[in-house]
């Protein structure tokens, strides 16, 4: 049986990616049906020391100009 390709990050993967990118905040947008949003945020927070939030339906987030940087 072939190994399935992983197409989504786990919460821990998302936290690792945000840490590696030196992000100021992580917003969790897609949550597995096997987790609650609160569980996903808690798990991502174990790998990322800055704020982690869940993008609940209708939620809005502002990115201040000072948070952007040139690559």
C-alpha atoms as a PDB file:
ATOM      1  CA  UNK A   1       0.000   0.000   0.000  1.00  0.00           C
ATOM      2  CA  UNK A   2       1.499   3.403  -0.957  1.00  0.00           C
ATOM      3  CA  UNK A   3       2.304   5.948   1.719  1.00  0.00           C
ATOM      4  CA  UNK A   4      -0.059   8.912   1.508  1.00  0.00           C
ATOM      5  CA  UNK A   5       1.464  12.331   0.993  1.00  0.00           C
ATOM      6  CA  UNK A   6       0.899  14.732   3.876  1.00  0.00           C
ATOM      7  CA  UNK A   7      -0.815  17.818   2.481  1.00  0.00           C
ATOM      8  CA  UNK A   8      -1.480  19.800   5.661  1.00  0.00           C
ATOM      9  CA  UNK A   9       0.735  20.845   8.549  1.00  0.00           C
ATOM     10  CA  UNK A  10       0.063  19.452  11.977  1.00  0.00           C
ATOM     11  CA  UNK A  11      -0.266  22.157  14.629  1.00  0.00           C
ATOM     12  CA  UNK A  12       3.284  21.324  15.690  1.00  0.00           C
ATOM     13  CA  UNK A  13       4.509  21.673  12.080  1.00  0.00           C
ATOM     14  CA  UNK A  14       2.826  25.079  11.864  1.00  0.00           C
ATOM     15  CA  UNK A  15       4.510  26.152  15.095  1.00  0.00           C
ATOM     16  CA  UNK A  16       7.896  24.981  13.819  1.00  0.00           C
ATOM     17  CA  UNK A  17       7.421  26.832  10.520  1.00  0.00           C
ATOM     18  CA  UNK A  18       6.379  30.037  12.308  1.00  0.00           C
ATOM     19  CA  UNK A  19       9.418  29.762  14.603  1.00  0.00           C
ATOM     20  CA  UNK A  20      11.789  29.189  11.692  1.00  0.00           C
ATOM     21  CA  UNK A  21      10.306  32.207   9.893  1.00  0.00           C
ATOM     22  CA  UNK A  22      10.705  34.326  13.046  1.00  0.00           C
ATOM     23  CA  UNK A  23       7.033  35.272  12.749  1.00  0.00           C
ATOM     24  CA  UNK A  24       5.496  37.574  15.304  1.00  0.00           C
ATOM     25  CA  UNK A  25       2.205  35.676  15.389  1.00  0.00           C
ATOM     26  CA  UNK A  26       0.705  32.408  14.118  1.00  0.00           C
ATOM     27  CA  UNK A  27      -2.911  32.251  13.018  1.00  0.00           C
ATOM     28  CA  UNK A  28      -4.232  28.697  12.727  1.00  0.00           C
ATOM     29  CA  UNK A  29      -6.705  28.500   9.844  1.00  0.00           C
ATOM     30  CA  UNK A  30      -7.350  24.844   9.061  1.00  0.00           C
ATOM     31  CA  UNK A  31      -8.044  22.445  11.914  1.00  0.00           C
ATOM     32  CA  UNK A  32      -8.373  18.688  11.532  1.00  0.00           C
ATOM     33  CA  UNK A  33     -11.774  17.263  12.313  1.00  0.00           C
ATOM     34  CA  UNK A  34     -10.004  15.246  15.001  1.00  0.00           C
ATOM     35  CA  UNK A  35      -9.051  18.376  17.000  1.00  0.00           C
ATOM     36  CA  UNK A  36     -10.853  21.348  18.455  1.00  0.00           C
ATOM     37  CA  UNK A  37      -9.487  24.782  17.556  1.00  0.00           C
ATOM     38  CA  UNK A  38      -8.376  25.138  21.178  1.00  0.00           C
ATOM     39  CA  UNK A  39      -6.393  21.895  20.973  1.00  0.00           C
ATOM     40  CA  UNK A  40      -4.753  22.977  17.704  1.00  0.00           C
ATOM     41  CA  UNK A  41      -3.745  26.343  19.191  1.00  0.00           C
ATOM     42  CA  UNK A  42      -2.392  24.656  22.326  1.00  0.00           C
ATOM     43  CA  UNK A  43      -0.357  22.165  20.295  1.00  0.00           C
ATOM     44  CA  UNK A  44       1.063  24.866  17.988  1.00  0.00           C
ATOM     45  CA  UNK A  45       1.974  26.913  21.066  1.00  0.00           C
ATOM     46  CA  UNK A  46       4.276  24.131  22.262  1.00  0.00           C
ATOM     47  CA  UNK A  47       6.547  24.893  19.280  1.00  0.00           C
ATOM     48  CA  UNK A  48       6.071  28.666  18.881  1.00  0.00           C
ATOM     49  CA  UNK A  49       6.724  31.197  21.641  1.00  0.00           C
ATOM     50  CA  UNK A  50       4.811  34.151  20.165  1.00  0.00           C
ATOM     51  CA  UNK A  51       1.008  34.518  20.140  1.00  0.00           C
ATOM     52  CA  UNK A  52      -1.024  31.769  18.452  1.00  0.00           C
ATOM     53  CA  UNK A  53      -4.646  32.458  17.522  1.00  0.00           C
ATOM     54  CA  UNK A  54      -7.418  30.619  15.690  1.00  0.00           C
ATOM     55  CA  UNK A  55      -9.058  32.191  12.642  1.00  0.00           C
ATOM     56  CA  UNK A  56     -12.651  31.520  13.639  1.00  0.00           C
ATOM     57  CA  UNK A  57     -15.283  32.218  10.981  1.00  0.00           C
ATOM     58  CA  UNK A  58     -15.715  35.982  10.727  1.00  0.00           C
ATOM     59  CA  UNK A  59     -12.536  36.763  12.671  1.00  0.00           C
ATOM     60  CA  UNK A  60     -10.378  39.606  11.409  1.00  0.00           C
ATOM     61  CA  UNK A  61      -6.715  40.253  12.065  1.00  0.00           C
ATOM     62  CA  UNK A  62      -4.660  43.378  11.403  1.00  0.00           C
ATOM     63  CA  UNK A  63      -1.028  43.286  10.395  1.00  0.00           C
ATOM     64  CA  UNK A  64       0.676  46.533  11.417  1.00  0.00           C
ATOM     65  CA  UNK A  65       3.109  48.025   8.884  1.00  0.00           C
ATOM     66  CA  UNK A  66       5.911  47.622  11.415  1.00  0.00           C
ATOM     67  CA  UNK A  67       5.400  43.833  11.278  1.00  0.00           C
ATOM     68  CA  UNK A  68       6.351  43.558   7.618  1.00  0.00           C
ATOM     69  CA  UNK A  69       9.895  43.207   6.387  1.00  0.00           C
ATOM     70  CA  UNK A  70      11.627  42.891   3.072  1.00  0.00           C
ATOM     71  CA  UNK A  71      13.073  39.539   2.160  1.00  0.00           C
END
